[in-house]
């Protein structure tokens, strides 16, 4: 199933949110978390068994790319 990947995606997003509230420099941390999000999205895509799941996986990857672009502007 995909429950582990969805769980880890949620954890990484929560960690990103927590990091964004930190007064410390977070650029590298966000970069790492973005890589982890991408890894989980790729795993979801590889486990996809129907067109809807594939579409969702691609949508997630597009959003992760948008996050990655924003992370490049964070120290």
C-alpha atoms as a PDB file:
ATOM      1  CA  UNK A   1       0.000   0.000   0.000  1.00  0.00           C
ATOM      2  CA  UNK A   2       0.867   3.641   0.030  1.00  0.00           C
ATOM      3  CA  UNK A   3      -0.041   4.493   3.602  1.00  0.00           C
ATOM      4  CA  UNK A   4       3.596   4.688   4.726  1.00  0.00           C
ATOM      5  CA  UNK A   5       4.484   7.121   1.956  1.00  0.00           C
ATOM      6  CA  UNK A   6       1.475   9.309   2.735  1.00  0.00           C
ATOM      7  CA  UNK A   7       2.375   9.236   6.417  1.00  0.00           C
ATOM      8  CA  UNK A   8       5.972  10.256   5.707  1.00  0.00           C
ATOM      9  CA  UNK A   9       4.823  13.011   3.329  1.00  0.00           C
ATOM     10  CA  UNK A  10       2.660  14.400   6.121  1.00  0.00           C
ATOM     11  CA  UNK A  11       5.540  14.191   8.606  1.00  0.00           C
ATOM     12  CA  UNK A  12       7.905  16.013   6.253  1.00  0.00           C
ATOM     13  CA  UNK A  13       5.325  18.743   5.668  1.00  0.00           C
ATOM     14  CA  UNK A  14       4.807  19.159   9.406  1.00  0.00           C
ATOM     15  CA  UNK A  15       8.561  19.399   9.881  1.00  0.00           C
ATOM     16  CA  UNK A  16       8.725  22.052   7.151  1.00  0.00           C
ATOM     17  CA  UNK A  17       6.017  24.031   8.897  1.00  0.00           C
ATOM     18  CA  UNK A  18       7.861  23.742  12.212  1.00  0.00           C
ATOM     19  CA  UNK A  19      11.117  24.804  10.575  1.00  0.00           C
ATOM     20  CA  UNK A  20       9.505  27.852   9.002  1.00  0.00           C
ATOM     21  CA  UNK A  21       8.596  29.077  12.476  1.00  0.00           C
ATOM     22  CA  UNK A  22      12.177  28.751  13.686  1.00  0.00           C
ATOM     23  CA  UNK A  23      14.367  31.826  14.135  1.00  0.00           C
ATOM     24  CA  UNK A  24      17.380  29.747  13.056  1.00  0.00           C
ATOM     25  CA  UNK A  25      18.711  29.540   9.466  1.00  0.00           C
ATOM     26  CA  UNK A  26      16.644  26.847   7.755  1.00  0.00           C
ATOM     27  CA  UNK A  27      17.661  26.832   4.100  1.00  0.00           C
ATOM     28  CA  UNK A  28      19.577  23.555   4.185  1.00  0.00           C
ATOM     29  CA  UNK A  29      16.931  21.892   6.330  1.00  0.00           C
ATOM     30  CA  UNK A  30      14.173  22.908   3.921  1.00  0.00           C
ATOM     31  CA  UNK A  31      16.270  21.715   1.002  1.00  0.00           C
ATOM     32  CA  UNK A  32      16.697  18.328   2.666  1.00  0.00           C
ATOM     33  CA  UNK A  33      12.987  18.086   3.492  1.00  0.00           C
ATOM     34  CA  UNK A  34      12.124  18.955  -0.100  1.00  0.00           C
ATOM     35  CA  UNK A  35      14.336  16.098  -1.268  1.00  0.00           C
ATOM     36  CA  UNK A  36      12.548  13.767   1.133  1.00  0.00           C
ATOM     37  CA  UNK A  37       9.149  14.929  -0.126  1.00  0.00           C
ATOM     38  CA  UNK A  38      10.289  14.250  -3.665  1.00  0.00           C
ATOM     39  CA  UNK A  39      11.501  10.782  -2.722  1.00  0.00           C
ATOM     40  CA  UNK A  40       8.123   9.902  -1.216  1.00  0.00           C
ATOM     41  CA  UNK A  41       6.281  11.318  -4.234  1.00  0.00           C
ATOM     42  CA  UNK A  42       8.435   9.214  -6.556  1.00  0.00           C
ATOM     43  CA  UNK A  43       7.654   6.112  -4.519  1.00  0.00           C
ATOM     44  CA  UNK A  44       3.945   6.931  -4.681  1.00  0.00           C
ATOM     45  CA  UNK A  45       4.226   7.264  -8.444  1.00  0.00           C
ATOM     46  CA  UNK A  46       5.996   3.950  -8.793  1.00  0.00           C
ATOM     47  CA  UNK A  47       3.301   2.233  -6.720  1.00  0.00           C
ATOM     48  CA  UNK A  48       0.515   3.838  -8.720  1.00  0.00           C
ATOM     49  CA  UNK A  49      -2.031   1.335  -9.952  1.00  0.00           C
ATOM     50  CA  UNK A  50      -4.480   3.608 -11.726  1.00  0.00           C
ATOM     51  CA  UNK A  51      -4.676   6.833 -13.702  1.00  0.00           C
ATOM     52  CA  UNK A  52      -6.050   8.885 -10.805  1.00  0.00           C
ATOM     53  CA  UNK A  53      -3.193   7.877  -8.542  1.00  0.00           C
ATOM     54  CA  UNK A  54      -0.684   8.690 -11.270  1.00  0.00           C
ATOM     55  CA  UNK A  55      -2.285  12.114 -11.753  1.00  0.00           C
ATOM     56  CA  UNK A  56      -2.123  12.792  -8.018  1.00  0.00           C
ATOM     57  CA  UNK A  57       1.516  11.767  -7.930  1.00  0.00           C
ATOM     58  CA  UNK A  58       2.346  14.173 -10.754  1.00  0.00           C
ATOM     59  CA  UNK A  59       0.391  16.956  -9.031  1.00  0.00           C
ATOM     60  CA  UNK A  60       2.370  16.366  -5.839  1.00  0.00           C
ATOM     61  CA  UNK A  61       5.645  16.509  -7.762  1.00  0.00           C
ATOM     62  CA  UNK A  62       4.641  19.817  -9.374  1.00  0.00           C
ATOM     63  CA  UNK A  63       3.873  21.279  -5.951  1.00  0.00           C
ATOM     64  CA  UNK A  64       7.173  19.999  -4.577  1.00  0.00           C
ATOM     65  CA  UNK A  65       8.989  21.707  -7.457  1.00  0.00           C
ATOM     66  CA  UNK A  66       7.227  24.950  -6.546  1.00  0.00           C
ATOM     67  CA  UNK A  67       8.310  24.508  -2.929  1.00  0.00           C
ATOM     68  CA  UNK A  68      11.856  23.796  -4.092  1.00  0.00           C
ATOM     69  CA  UNK A  69      11.907  27.065  -6.058  1.00  0.00           C
ATOM     70  CA  UNK A  70      10.829  28.971  -2.957  1.00  0.00           C
ATOM     71  CA  UNK A  71      13.349  27.155  -0.753  1.00  0.00           C
ATOM     72  CA  UNK A  72      16.146  28.448  -2.985  1.00  0.00           C
ATOM     73  CA  UNK A  73      15.307  31.934  -1.676  1.00  0.00           C
ATOM     74  CA  UNK A  74      15.556  30.978   2.011  1.00  0.00           C
ATOM     75  CA  UNK A  75      18.749  31.122   4.043  1.00  0.00           C
END
